[in-house]
Structure formats: structure tokens, C-alpha cells
Protein backbone atom coordinates (compact mmCIF):
# COMPACT_ATOMS: atom_id res chain seq x y z
CA MET A 1 119.21 -1.25 -61.20
CA ASP A 2 115.67 -2.39 -60.97
CA ASP A 3 113.47 0.65 -61.03
CA THR A 4 110.26 -1.26 -60.53
CA THR A 5 108.36 -0.29 -57.41
CA PRO A 6 106.35 -2.73 -55.35
CA ASP A 7 102.61 -2.60 -55.73
CA VAL A 8 100.93 -0.81 -52.89
CA THR A 9 97.40 -2.03 -52.50
CA THR A 10 94.81 -0.21 -50.48
CA PRO A 11 93.38 -2.49 -47.81
CA VAL A 12 89.76 -3.31 -48.52
CA ARG A 13 87.45 -2.87 -45.59
CA LYS A 14 85.55 -6.08 -45.06
CA ARG A 15 81.86 -5.94 -44.33
CA PRO A 16 80.88 -7.52 -41.05
CA ARG A 17 79.29 -10.90 -41.64
CA GLY A 18 77.62 -11.24 -38.26
CA ILE A 19 74.20 -10.08 -37.19
CA TYR A 20 73.24 -7.90 -34.26
CA LEU A 21 71.88 -9.99 -31.44
CA LEU A 22 69.65 -7.64 -29.43
CA PRO A 23 67.07 -6.49 -32.02
CA ASN A 24 66.93 -9.94 -33.62
CA LEU A 25 66.17 -11.49 -30.23
CA PHE A 26 62.96 -9.46 -30.08
CA THR A 27 62.14 -10.44 -33.65
CA THR A 28 62.69 -14.10 -32.79
CA ALA A 29 60.48 -13.75 -29.73
CA ALA A 30 57.71 -12.23 -31.88
CA LEU A 31 58.11 -15.12 -34.33
CA PHE A 32 57.83 -17.62 -31.48
CA ALA A 33 54.70 -15.87 -30.15
CA GLY A 34 53.02 -16.27 -33.54
CA PHE A 35 54.09 -19.91 -33.71
CA TYR A 36 52.79 -20.51 -30.19
CA ALA A 37 49.44 -18.92 -31.10
CA VAL A 38 48.94 -21.55 -33.80
CA LEU A 39 49.87 -24.36 -31.41
CA ALA A 40 47.51 -23.04 -28.73
CA ALA A 41 44.66 -22.80 -31.24
CA THR A 42 45.11 -26.42 -32.36
CA GLN A 43 44.73 -27.40 -28.70
CA GLY A 44 41.57 -25.35 -28.24
CA ARG A 45 43.23 -22.71 -26.01
CA PHE A 46 41.99 -19.71 -27.94
CA GLU A 47 42.45 -17.13 -25.21
CA ALA A 48 46.12 -18.07 -24.96
CA ALA A 49 46.36 -17.87 -28.76
CA ALA A 50 44.89 -14.36 -28.79
CA LEU A 51 47.24 -13.21 -26.03
CA ALA A 52 50.20 -14.66 -27.92
CA ILE A 53 49.31 -12.56 -30.97
CA PHE A 54 49.17 -9.44 -28.79
CA ALA A 55 52.54 -10.40 -27.30
CA ALA A 56 53.92 -10.61 -30.84
CA MET A 57 52.65 -7.06 -31.47
CA LEU A 58 54.48 -5.70 -28.43
CA LEU A 59 57.70 -7.49 -29.34
CA ASP A 60 57.43 -6.36 -32.96
CA GLY A 61 57.17 -2.77 -31.79
CA PHE A 62 60.37 -3.07 -29.79
CA ASP A 63 62.78 -4.61 -32.29
CA GLY A 64 62.75 -1.76 -34.79
CA ARG A 65 63.03 0.92 -32.11
CA ILE A 66 65.89 -0.88 -30.40
CA ALA A 67 67.70 -1.23 -33.72
CA ARG A 68 67.34 2.52 -34.35
CA ILE A 69 68.40 3.48 -30.83
CA THR A 70 71.46 1.20 -30.85
CA GLN A 71 72.19 1.99 -34.53
CA THR A 72 72.10 -1.70 -35.43
CA GLN A 73 69.77 -1.50 -38.43
CA THR A 74 70.66 -3.96 -41.17
CA ASP A 75 69.05 -5.34 -44.31
CA PHE A 76 69.10 -8.76 -42.67
CA GLY A 77 67.14 -7.44 -39.70
CA ALA A 78 64.56 -5.79 -41.97
CA GLN A 79 63.99 -8.98 -43.97
CA TYR A 80 63.88 -11.13 -40.84
CA ASP A 81 61.34 -8.77 -39.27
CA SER A 82 59.17 -8.98 -42.39
CA LEU A 83 59.19 -12.79 -42.33
CA SER A 84 58.37 -12.76 -38.61
CA ASP A 85 55.45 -10.41 -39.29
CA MET A 86 54.15 -12.79 -41.95
CA VAL A 87 54.00 -15.63 -39.44
CA ALA A 88 52.75 -13.65 -36.44
CA PHE A 89 50.27 -11.36 -38.21
CA GLY A 90 49.55 -13.21 -41.45
CA VAL A 91 49.49 -16.94 -40.82
CA ALA A 92 48.76 -17.14 -37.08
CA PRO A 93 45.56 -14.99 -36.96
CA ALA A 94 44.09 -16.82 -39.97
CA LEU A 95 44.75 -20.26 -38.50
CA VAL A 96 43.52 -19.24 -35.05
CA ALA A 97 40.30 -17.90 -36.58
CA TYR A 98 39.95 -21.07 -38.65
CA HIS A 99 40.29 -23.41 -35.66
CA TRP A 100 38.00 -21.21 -33.57
CA ALA A 101 35.09 -20.59 -35.94
CA LEU A 102 35.82 -20.85 -39.65
CA GLY A 103 36.40 -24.60 -39.79
CA GLY A 104 32.68 -25.31 -39.54
CA LEU A 105 31.97 -23.33 -42.71
CA GLY A 106 33.82 -25.77 -44.94
CA LYS A 107 35.36 -24.30 -48.06
CA VAL A 108 34.01 -20.84 -47.27
CA GLY A 109 35.88 -20.89 -43.97
CA TRP A 110 39.26 -21.92 -45.30
CA PHE A 111 38.86 -19.54 -48.23
CA ALA A 112 38.29 -16.62 -45.84
CA ALA A 113 41.36 -17.66 -43.86
CA PHE A 114 43.41 -17.88 -47.05
CA VAL A 115 42.20 -14.46 -48.21
CA TYR A 116 43.50 -12.99 -44.97
CA THR A 117 46.87 -14.78 -45.25
CA ALA A 118 47.37 -13.86 -48.91
CA ALA A 119 46.39 -10.25 -48.20
CA ALA A 120 48.93 -10.06 -45.38
CA ALA A 121 51.66 -11.33 -47.72
CA LEU A 122 50.72 -8.79 -50.38
CA ARG A 123 50.53 -6.01 -47.79
CA LEU A 124 54.02 -6.76 -46.47
CA ALA A 125 55.47 -7.06 -49.99
CA ARG A 126 53.97 -3.69 -50.96
CA PHE A 127 55.26 -2.09 -47.78
CA ASN A 128 58.80 -3.40 -48.36
CA THR A 129 58.90 -2.07 -51.91
CA GLN A 130 57.70 1.38 -50.81
CA VAL A 131 60.20 1.89 -47.99
CA GLY A 132 61.89 5.26 -48.48
CA ILE A 133 59.29 6.35 -51.07
CA ALA A 134 55.92 6.42 -49.34
CA ASP A 135 54.82 9.14 -46.94
CA LYS A 136 55.81 7.95 -43.46
CA ARG A 137 52.84 9.73 -41.91
CA TYR A 138 50.41 7.26 -43.46
CA PHE A 139 50.02 3.57 -44.21
CA GLN A 140 48.58 2.48 -47.53
CA GLY A 141 46.14 -0.18 -46.44
CA LEU A 142 45.55 -1.48 -42.94
CA ALA A 143 48.79 -2.54 -41.25
CA SER A 144 49.04 -6.28 -40.59
CA PRO A 145 49.41 -5.92 -36.78
CA ALA A 146 46.20 -3.88 -36.68
CA ALA A 147 44.38 -6.49 -38.78
CA ALA A 148 45.66 -9.22 -36.47
CA ALA A 149 44.44 -7.19 -33.48
CA ILE A 150 40.88 -7.26 -34.83
CA ILE A 151 40.85 -11.06 -35.01
CA ALA A 152 42.75 -11.67 -31.76
CA SER A 153 40.72 -9.22 -29.68
CA GLY A 154 37.45 -10.45 -31.21
CA ILE A 155 38.25 -14.04 -30.25
CA TRP A 156 39.36 -12.87 -26.80
CA VAL A 157 36.06 -11.04 -26.23
CA ALA A 158 33.99 -14.01 -27.38
CA HIS A 159 35.95 -16.43 -25.21
CA ASP A 160 35.61 -14.14 -22.19
CA LEU A 161 31.84 -13.92 -22.71
CA GLY A 162 31.50 -17.67 -23.21
CA ILE A 163 30.50 -17.36 -26.87
CA ASN A 164 31.24 -20.43 -28.94
CA GLY A 165 33.00 -19.81 -32.23
CA ALA A 166 30.57 -21.99 -34.17
CA SER A 167 27.67 -19.72 -33.17
CA VAL A 168 29.32 -16.64 -34.71
CA SER A 169 31.13 -18.35 -37.58
CA TRP A 170 29.69 -16.09 -40.29
CA LEU A 171 30.55 -12.95 -38.33
CA ALA A 172 34.07 -14.30 -37.84
CA MET A 173 34.27 -14.97 -41.58
CA PHE A 174 33.33 -11.39 -42.47
CA LEU A 175 35.78 -9.96 -39.92
CA THR A 176 38.62 -12.17 -41.15
CA ALA A 177 38.05 -11.56 -44.86
CA GLY A 178 37.25 -7.89 -44.26
CA ALA A 179 40.47 -7.32 -42.33
CA GLY A 180 42.36 -9.00 -45.14
CA LEU A 181 40.77 -6.85 -47.85
CA LEU A 182 41.50 -3.69 -45.87
CA MET A 183 45.19 -4.64 -45.81
CA VAL A 184 45.38 -4.61 -49.62
CA SER A 185 43.11 -1.58 -50.04
CA ASN A 186 44.28 1.90 -50.98
CA PHE A 187 42.76 3.49 -47.88
CA ARG A 188 45.21 5.66 -45.97
CA TYR A 189 45.74 5.14 -42.27
CA GLN A 190 47.57 7.29 -39.78
CA SER A 191 50.93 5.70 -38.92
CA PHE A 192 51.52 7.92 -35.83
CA LYS A 193 55.24 7.84 -36.68
CA GLN A 194 55.34 11.63 -36.58
CA LEU A 195 54.67 11.61 -32.85
CA ASN A 196 57.71 12.70 -30.87
CA LEU A 197 57.71 10.56 -27.75
CA GLN A 198 61.08 11.88 -26.58
CA GLY A 199 60.13 15.55 -26.50
CA ARG A 200 57.89 17.45 -24.13
CA VAL A 201 54.15 16.97 -24.42
CA PRO A 202 51.26 19.04 -23.03
CA PHE A 203 50.11 18.13 -19.54
CA LEU A 204 46.56 17.38 -20.71
CA LEU A 205 47.94 14.91 -23.28
CA ALA A 206 49.81 13.05 -20.55
CA VAL A 207 46.62 12.92 -18.47
CA GLY A 208 44.69 11.64 -21.49
CA VAL A 209 47.21 8.87 -22.07
CA MET A 210 46.97 7.77 -18.44
CA LEU A 211 43.18 7.76 -18.62
CA GLY A 212 43.31 5.74 -21.84
CA VAL A 213 45.55 3.13 -20.24
CA SER A 214 43.18 2.98 -17.27
CA VAL A 215 40.19 2.40 -19.55
CA ILE A 216 41.99 -0.46 -21.26
CA PHE A 217 42.63 -2.17 -17.94
CA ILE A 218 38.94 -1.98 -17.01
CA TYR A 219 38.04 -4.59 -19.63
CA PRO A 220 41.05 -5.25 -21.92
CA PRO A 221 39.48 -7.57 -24.53
CA LEU A 222 36.48 -5.38 -25.35
CA VAL A 223 38.41 -2.09 -25.26
CA LEU A 224 41.17 -3.46 -27.48
CA PHE A 225 38.60 -4.86 -29.91
CA LEU A 226 36.80 -1.50 -30.14
CA LEU A 227 40.09 0.34 -30.61
CA ALA A 228 41.21 -2.03 -33.38
CA LEU A 229 37.81 -1.86 -35.09
CA THR A 230 37.72 1.95 -34.85
CA TYR A 231 41.19 2.20 -36.37
CA ALA A 232 40.18 -0.17 -39.19
CA ILE A 233 37.11 1.97 -39.96
CA SER A 234 39.10 5.21 -39.78
CA GLY A 235 40.78 4.52 -43.14
CA PRO A 236 37.59 4.34 -45.26
CA ALA A 237 35.97 7.14 -43.22
CA TRP A 238 38.96 9.47 -43.65
CA THR A 239 39.07 8.68 -47.37
CA LEU A 240 35.39 9.57 -47.78
CA VAL A 241 35.94 12.86 -45.95
CA GLN A 242 38.88 13.68 -48.21
CA LEU A 243 36.82 12.88 -51.32
CA ARG A 244 33.99 15.16 -50.19
CA GLN A 245 36.43 17.98 -49.42
CA ASN A 246 38.05 17.62 -52.84
CA ARG A 247 34.67 17.69 -54.57
CA ALA A 248 33.62 20.77 -52.61
CA ARG A 249 36.89 22.51 -53.49
CA ARG A 250 36.48 21.70 -57.18
CA ARG A 251 32.95 23.09 -57.14
CA ARG A 252 34.17 26.34 -55.55
CA GLU A 253 36.95 26.64 -58.12
CA SER A 254 34.59 26.01 -61.03
CA VAL A 255 32.21 28.76 -59.94
């Protein structure tokens, strides 16, 4: 009598090899918007290029939220989103600024554009390595969409006012390089991720949001430029305030 028993193997659950379509469609659309911004800039359509960068920002804000709502978050989606951000907020703004104003500065112009692009790559790499570790309430360094907003809205304002890029090339150079350096800085910026948009909010806050949206529609390019510039300055300003408070506290403790 054969007393051997057949091997009973536990079925191994296979990992799904596909990708989720809906969130990656928004990521692809943001990638296309960044690509289109570069094409528009090479054709001299700088207003369209600036609007394409803003479109990429809106689409980039949707893909992550949709993935969380539909519970379709994957490592593939996170990596794809990061590569899309590099094109839309790292390469596209630098090339748009170069074609608009920086090209006339020669090596200084392309160096400023490269500083911005390299800083965006370093900013995204640092962000990816700190996921799950860093405080979600703050960003370390200016976020790449906010840096792109400074360049895009600045070009939009100048185009709307009829200002030629060559006449403000040095200002454009400082804005481009400055936005890049802020991305790789250690300044802390509010991420606003702690805001609960699904819960109840005070009535006055709702009124304030509606008034803010109304102000933006009065003159979108200038208002968006001022908002982006104010947010960029808030990091160094908040850091200086924190340093002064820490010094004052140390003095009180030493007395």
C-alpha cells in the first residue's frame, strides 16, 4: 500500500499586471499639456504655452485625488506622475522662458533655464525619497507646480500687457533661476494638505473662497502671478520668523 500523500500546494495569488486607466489618463493629459507648452513656445505662441502649463497643474491635482478616492493608487502611477511632473513643471517652463526671453542672453540664458530644470529634477527626487517620512503639512523647498506658476503667469502677464520678452530678459532670468533655487532650498512651505475639504467649513470661509475666485477672474494673469510670487516668498519669510522666535525663546531661557 502506498502511503504517500499527494502534495497539496497553496494557490499563489498573482499580482495584477495591468494599470488603472482613470488616474493615469489625467496624468497623461498633464504630460501632453507640458509637451504642448513647449511646442507652442517654439511657434511663438507664449500665451497658449502659459495656459498649457496651468492646465497641466489642474490635471496634476486631479490624478492623485482620483486615485485615492477610487483606491487605485499604485507604484506605477506614482512613478508615472513624477515623470509627468518633470516634463510639465521642470522642462516645459524652462524651455518656454528660454524661447520667450532667455535666448537673447546667450550662455547666461540657457544656463538659467538649465538651473531651473536641474533644480526641478532634484526637487522631485528629494520628494520621492521622503514620501512617508516628511511632515505632510509642509513642503521642503518650493513645489515644482508653484515654481512653474511663477514663470507661466509672469509670461502671461507680460504677453497681455504687450511686453516683449527681450526687454525684460534679465528679470526673466532672475525669476527663472530664483524659482529653481527655491525648489532645492530648505525653506518650508505650507502644503495645505491638512485642509479638510469634505467636512463642514465656517460660513465666512466659504464667502472668502468665493470672493477669492471672483478676484482671480477680474484679471487672471496678474492675480495668479501675485499669488504664485507671494507663496514663493512665504517660505523664506516664514523661516525668518521661526528663526527670530527661536532666538527670542533661547534668550528667555538663558536669563
